[in-house]
Amino acid sequence: MLILGVLLALVAGGGAFYVVRFDPLQLLAQEMAEGEMEMAAPEPVTPLPEMQFVALDPMLVSLGPVATRQVRHLRFAATLEVHPQYAEEVEQLRPRLADVLTTYLRAVDTADLEDPAALVRLRAQMLRRMQVVSGQGRVRDILITEFVLS
């Protein structure tokens, strides 16, 4: 029995020495980290294209027929992403761009504005109108910064 106790003590001591000296969990973690580093090779970062932004003044647009007294209002603000060489020209067109946006938004039915997918359609329509007014290739995108229907 004494021999069995000594044998168990030696095995336990050897196991403890192995765990402290070699730490199998740490070795496994290192192998996994090295494997992840090999798999996740960094992709080259492409530089952003040159762009400039032209902010349009915020506008408050009345929606719906005035005669029914159920007039709703849309508070709207947007910024245009433009090519840098055309930024000054687009800046000079801000009053005309605001007029086109106001006219378009007044014509939109309020039920269309309540649809969750409406913003995507409106954005495409407004971008097209901005491109027609400013000239093709000058305005890249319209960024809607405020859209509150009340």
C-alpha atoms as a PDB file:
ATOM      1  CA  MET A   1       0.000   0.000   0.000  1.00  0.00           C
ATOM      2  CA  LEU A   2       2.882   2.278   0.821  1.00  0.00           C
ATOM      3  CA  ILE A   3       4.370   1.577  -2.596  1.00  0.00           C
ATOM      4  CA  LEU A   4       1.080   2.521  -4.251  1.00  0.00           C
ATOM      5  CA  GLY A   5       1.015   5.856  -2.342  1.00  0.00           C
ATOM      6  CA  VAL A   6       4.605   6.643  -3.336  1.00  0.00           C
ATOM      7  CA  LEU A   7       3.846   5.724  -6.947  1.00  0.00           C
ATOM      8  CA  LEU A   8       0.781   8.008  -7.009  1.00  0.00           C
ATOM      9  CA  ALA A   9       2.799  10.850  -5.458  1.00  0.00           C
ATOM     10  CA  LEU A  10       5.490  10.477  -8.143  1.00  0.00           C
ATOM     11  CA  VAL A  11       2.913  10.457 -10.963  1.00  0.00           C
ATOM     12  CA  ALA A  12       1.139  13.503  -9.506  1.00  0.00           C
ATOM     13  CA  GLY A  13       4.444  15.344  -9.065  1.00  0.00           C
ATOM     14  CA  GLY A  14       5.484  14.524 -12.633  1.00  0.00           C
ATOM     15  CA  GLY A  15       2.122  15.718 -13.965  1.00  0.00           C
ATOM     16  CA  ALA A  16       2.364  18.962 -12.009  1.00  0.00           C
ATOM     17  CA  PHE A  17       5.905  19.536 -13.285  1.00  0.00           C
ATOM     18  CA  TYR A  18       4.747  18.940 -16.888  1.00  0.00           C
ATOM     19  CA  VAL A  19       1.825  21.385 -16.575  1.00  0.00           C
ATOM     20  CA  VAL A  20       3.971  24.104 -14.997  1.00  0.00           C
ATOM     21  CA  ARG A  21       6.932  23.614 -17.305  1.00  0.00           C
ATOM     22  CA  PHE A  22       5.214  23.111 -20.665  1.00  0.00           C
ATOM     23  CA  ASP A  23       1.667  24.554 -20.145  1.00  0.00           C
ATOM     24  CA  PRO A  24      -0.232  22.622 -22.857  1.00  0.00           C
ATOM     25  CA  LEU A  25      -3.036  25.198 -22.965  1.00  0.00           C
ATOM     26  CA  GLN A  26      -0.599  27.991 -23.728  1.00  0.00           C
ATOM     27  CA  LEU A  27       1.039  25.921 -26.475  1.00  0.00           C
ATOM     28  CA  LEU A  28      -2.385  25.244 -27.993  1.00  0.00           C
ATOM     29  CA  ALA A  29      -3.278  28.948 -27.862  1.00  0.00           C
ATOM     30  CA  GLN A  30       0.003  29.869 -29.568  1.00  0.00           C
ATOM     31  CA  GLU A  31      -0.603  27.335 -32.341  1.00  0.00           C
ATOM     32  CA  MET A  32      -4.108  28.678 -32.911  1.00  0.00           C
ATOM     33  CA  ALA A  33      -2.883  32.293 -32.979  1.00  0.00           C
ATOM     34  CA  GLU A  34      -0.162  31.437 -35.498  1.00  0.00           C
ATOM     35  CA  GLY A  35      -2.729  29.664 -37.674  1.00  0.00           C
ATOM     36  CA  GLU A  36      -5.053  32.682 -37.574  1.00  0.00           C
ATOM     37  CA  MET A  37      -2.209  35.003 -38.517  1.00  0.00           C
ATOM     38  CA  GLU A  38      -1.405  32.859 -41.533  1.00  0.00           C
ATOM     39  CA  MET A  39      -5.052  32.709 -42.630  1.00  0.00           C
ATOM     40  CA  ALA A  40      -5.821  36.403 -42.148  1.00  0.00           C
ATOM     41  CA  ALA A  41      -3.200  37.993 -44.339  1.00  0.00           C
ATOM     42  CA  PRO A  42      -3.769  41.743 -44.510  1.00  0.00           C
ATOM     43  CA  GLU A  43      -5.352  42.952 -47.718  1.00  0.00           C
ATOM     44  CA  PRO A  44      -3.896  46.022 -49.369  1.00  0.00           C
ATOM     45  CA  VAL A  45      -5.859  49.150 -48.517  1.00  0.00           C
ATOM     46  CA  THR A  46      -7.065  51.081 -51.522  1.00  0.00           C
ATOM     47  CA  PRO A  47      -7.010  54.838 -51.079  1.00  0.00           C
ATOM     48  CA  LEU A  48     -10.325  56.670 -51.072  1.00  0.00           C
ATOM     49  CA  PRO A  49     -11.099  58.677 -54.178  1.00  0.00           C
ATOM     50  CA  GLU A  50     -10.717  62.412 -53.913  1.00  0.00           C
ATOM     51  CA  MET A  51     -13.957  64.027 -52.884  1.00  0.00           C
ATOM     52  CA  GLN A  52     -15.342  67.197 -51.471  1.00  0.00           C
ATOM     53  CA  PHE A  53     -18.639  67.937 -49.750  1.00  0.00           C
ATOM     54  CA  VAL A  54     -21.080  70.762 -50.372  1.00  0.00           C
ATOM     55  CA  ALA A  55     -23.665  71.171 -47.619  1.00  0.00           C
ATOM     56  CA  LEU A  56     -27.125  72.320 -48.594  1.00  0.00           C
ATOM     57  CA  ASP A  57     -29.045  74.520 -46.175  1.00  0.00           C
ATOM     58  CA  PRO A  58     -31.614  72.681 -44.043  1.00  0.00           C
ATOM     59  CA  MET A  59     -35.152  73.107 -45.328  1.00  0.00           C
ATOM     60  CA  LEU A  60     -38.639  72.765 -43.931  1.00  0.00           C
ATOM     61  CA  VAL A  61     -41.138  71.572 -46.536  1.00  0.00           C
ATOM     62  CA  SER A  62     -44.929  71.593 -46.114  1.00  0.00           C
ATOM     63  CA  LEU A  63     -46.522  68.386 -47.344  1.00  0.00           C
ATOM     64  CA  GLY A  64     -50.109  67.522 -48.173  1.00  0.00           C
ATOM     65  CA  PRO A  65     -53.052  69.641 -49.276  1.00  0.00           C
ATOM     66  CA  VAL A  66     -53.396  72.869 -47.317  1.00  0.00           C
ATOM     67  CA  ALA A  67     -57.222  72.887 -47.657  1.00  0.00           C
ATOM     68  CA  THR A  68     -57.624  69.739 -45.526  1.00  0.00           C
ATOM     69  CA  ARG A  69     -55.742  71.260 -42.569  1.00  0.00           C
ATOM     70  CA  GLN A  70     -53.735  68.060 -42.289  1.00  0.00           C
ATOM     71  CA  VAL A  71     -50.521  69.657 -43.336  1.00  0.00           C
ATOM     72  CA  ARG A  72     -47.412  67.747 -42.359  1.00  0.00           C
ATOM     73  CA  HIS A  73     -43.886  69.036 -42.427  1.00  0.00           C
ATOM     74  CA  LEU A  74     -40.621  67.499 -43.484  1.00  0.00           C
ATOM     75  CA  ARG A  75     -37.382  68.832 -42.054  1.00  0.00           C
ATOM     76  CA  PHE A  76     -34.695  67.912 -44.523  1.00  0.00           C
ATOM     77  CA  ALA A  77     -30.958  68.515 -44.816  1.00  0.00           C
ATOM     78  CA  ALA A  78     -28.438  67.011 -47.207  1.00  0.00           C
ATOM     79  CA  THR A  79     -24.808  67.198 -48.235  1.00  0.00           C
ATOM     80  CA  LEU A  80     -23.590  66.563 -51.757  1.00  0.00           C
ATOM     81  CA  GLU A  81     -20.469  64.556 -52.481  1.00  0.00           C
ATOM     82  CA  VAL A  82     -18.795  66.203 -55.465  1.00  0.00           C
ATOM     83  CA  HIS A  83     -15.642  65.861 -57.503  1.00  0.00           C
ATOM     84  CA  PRO A  84     -13.067  68.367 -56.155  1.00  0.00           C
ATOM     85  CA  GLN A  85     -12.603  70.155 -59.481  1.00  0.00           C
ATOM     86  CA  TYR A  86     -16.352  70.942 -59.613  1.00  0.00           C
ATOM     87  CA  ALA A  87     -16.907  71.886 -55.959  1.00  0.00           C
ATOM     88  CA  GLU A  88     -16.876  75.622 -56.618  1.00  0.00           C
ATOM     89  CA  GLU A  89     -19.349  75.320 -59.500  1.00  0.00           C
ATOM     90  CA  VAL A  90     -21.709  73.166 -57.435  1.00  0.00           C
ATOM     91  CA  GLU A  91     -21.391  75.626 -54.539  1.00  0.00           C
ATOM     92  CA  GLN A  92     -22.617  78.421 -56.835  1.00  0.00           C
ATOM     93  CA  LEU A  93     -25.625  76.273 -57.824  1.00  0.00           C
ATOM     94  CA  ARG A  94     -26.825  75.761 -54.233  1.00  0.00           C
ATOM     95  CA  PRO A  95     -29.940  77.993 -54.593  1.00  0.00           C
ATOM     96  CA  ARG A  96     -31.032  76.154 -57.746  1.00  0.00           C
ATOM     97  CA  LEU A  97     -30.334  72.761 -56.155  1.00  0.00           C
ATOM     98  CA  ALA A  98     -32.400  73.732 -53.095  1.00  0.00           C
ATOM     99  CA  ASP A  99     -35.243  74.820 -55.380  1.00  0.00           C
ATOM    100  CA  VAL A 100     -35.227  71.503 -57.232  1.00  0.00           C
ATOM    101  CA  LEU A 101     -35.232  69.556 -53.964  1.00  0.00           C
ATOM    102  CA  THR A 102     -38.050  71.621 -52.462  1.00  0.00           C
ATOM    103  CA  THR A 103     -40.180  71.273 -55.588  1.00  0.00           C
ATOM    104  CA  TYR A 104     -39.638  67.525 -55.695  1.00  0.00           C
ATOM    105  CA  LEU A 105     -40.319  66.970 -51.991  1.00  0.00           C
ATOM    106  CA  ARG A 106     -43.535  69.030 -52.164  1.00  0.00           C
ATOM    107  CA  ALA A 107     -44.780  66.686 -54.897  1.00  0.00           C
ATOM    108  CA  VAL A 108     -44.119  63.500 -52.916  1.00  0.00           C
ATOM    109  CA  ASP A 109     -47.176  61.953 -51.245  1.00  0.00           C
ATOM    110  CA  THR A 110     -46.926  61.748 -47.445  1.00  0.00           C
ATOM    111  CA  ALA A 111     -47.941  58.075 -47.545  1.00  0.00           C
ATOM    112  CA  ASP A 112     -44.838  57.397 -49.645  1.00  0.00           C
ATOM    113  CA  LEU A 113     -42.639  59.018 -47.002  1.00  0.00           C
ATOM    114  CA  GLU A 114     -43.948  56.724 -44.268  1.00  0.00           C
ATOM    115  CA  ASP A 115     -42.813  53.604 -46.128  1.00  0.00           C
ATOM    116  CA  PRO A 116     -39.524  52.283 -44.650  1.00  0.00           C
ATOM    117  CA  ALA A 117     -38.051  51.758 -48.122  1.00  0.00           C
ATOM    118  CA  ALA A 118     -39.035  55.249 -49.270  1.00  0.00           C
ATOM    119  CA  LEU A 119     -35.726  56.847 -48.357  1.00  0.00           C
ATOM    120  CA  VAL A 120     -33.842  54.687 -50.859  1.00  0.00           C
ATOM    121  CA  ARG A 121     -36.203  55.671 -53.688  1.00  0.00           C
ATOM    122  CA  LEU A 122     -36.233  59.335 -52.673  1.00  0.00           C
ATOM    123  CA  ARG A 123     -32.469  59.422 -52.482  1.00  0.00           C
ATOM    124  CA  ALA A 124     -32.113  58.000 -55.995  1.00  0.00           C
ATOM    125  CA  GLN A 125     -34.637  60.500 -57.367  1.00  0.00           C
ATOM    126  CA  MET A 126     -32.990  63.449 -55.620  1.00  0.00           C
ATOM    127  CA  LEU A 127     -29.508  62.391 -56.752  1.00  0.00           C
ATOM    128  CA  ARG A 128     -30.689  62.190 -60.343  1.00  0.00           C
ATOM    129  CA  ARG A 129     -32.170  65.680 -60.101  1.00  0.00           C
ATOM    130  CA  MET A 130     -28.948  67.053 -58.576  1.00  0.00           C
ATOM    131  CA  GLN A 131     -26.951  65.528 -61.425  1.00  0.00           C
ATOM    132  CA  VAL A 132     -29.263  67.016 -64.058  1.00  0.00           C
ATOM    133  CA  VAL A 133     -29.020  70.515 -62.561  1.00  0.00           C
ATOM    134  CA  SER A 134     -25.268  70.486 -61.870  1.00  0.00           C
ATOM    135  CA  GLY A 135     -24.201  68.608 -64.982  1.00  0.00           C
ATOM    136  CA  GLN A 136     -23.321  64.974 -65.456  1.00  0.00           C
ATOM    137  CA  GLY A 137     -20.318  63.737 -63.472  1.00  0.00           C
ATOM    138  CA  ARG A 138     -20.166  66.593 -60.964  1.00  0.00           C
ATOM    139  CA  VAL A 139     -22.248  65.181 -58.095  1.00  0.00           C
ATOM    140  CA  ARG A 140     -21.344  61.653 -57.000  1.00  0.00           C
ATOM    141  CA  ASP A 141     -23.837  61.148 -54.191  1.00  0.00           C
ATOM    142  CA  ILE A 142     -26.348  62.828 -51.941  1.00  0.00           C
ATOM    143  CA  LEU A 143     -25.930  62.234 -48.230  1.00  0.00           C
ATOM    144  CA  ILE A 144     -29.150  62.765 -46.293  1.00  0.00           C
ATOM    145  CA  THR A 145     -28.176  64.238 -42.948  1.00  0.00           C
ATOM    146  CA  GLU A 146     -31.649  65.040 -41.610  1.00  0.00           C
ATOM    147  CA  PHE A 147     -35.062  63.605 -42.488  1.00  0.00           C
ATOM    148  CA  VAL A 148     -37.793  64.269 -39.925  1.00  0.00           C
ATOM    149  CA  LEU A 149     -41.469  63.931 -40.803  1.00  0.00           C
ATOM    150  CA  SER A 150     -43.872  65.624 -38.397  1.00  0.00           C
END
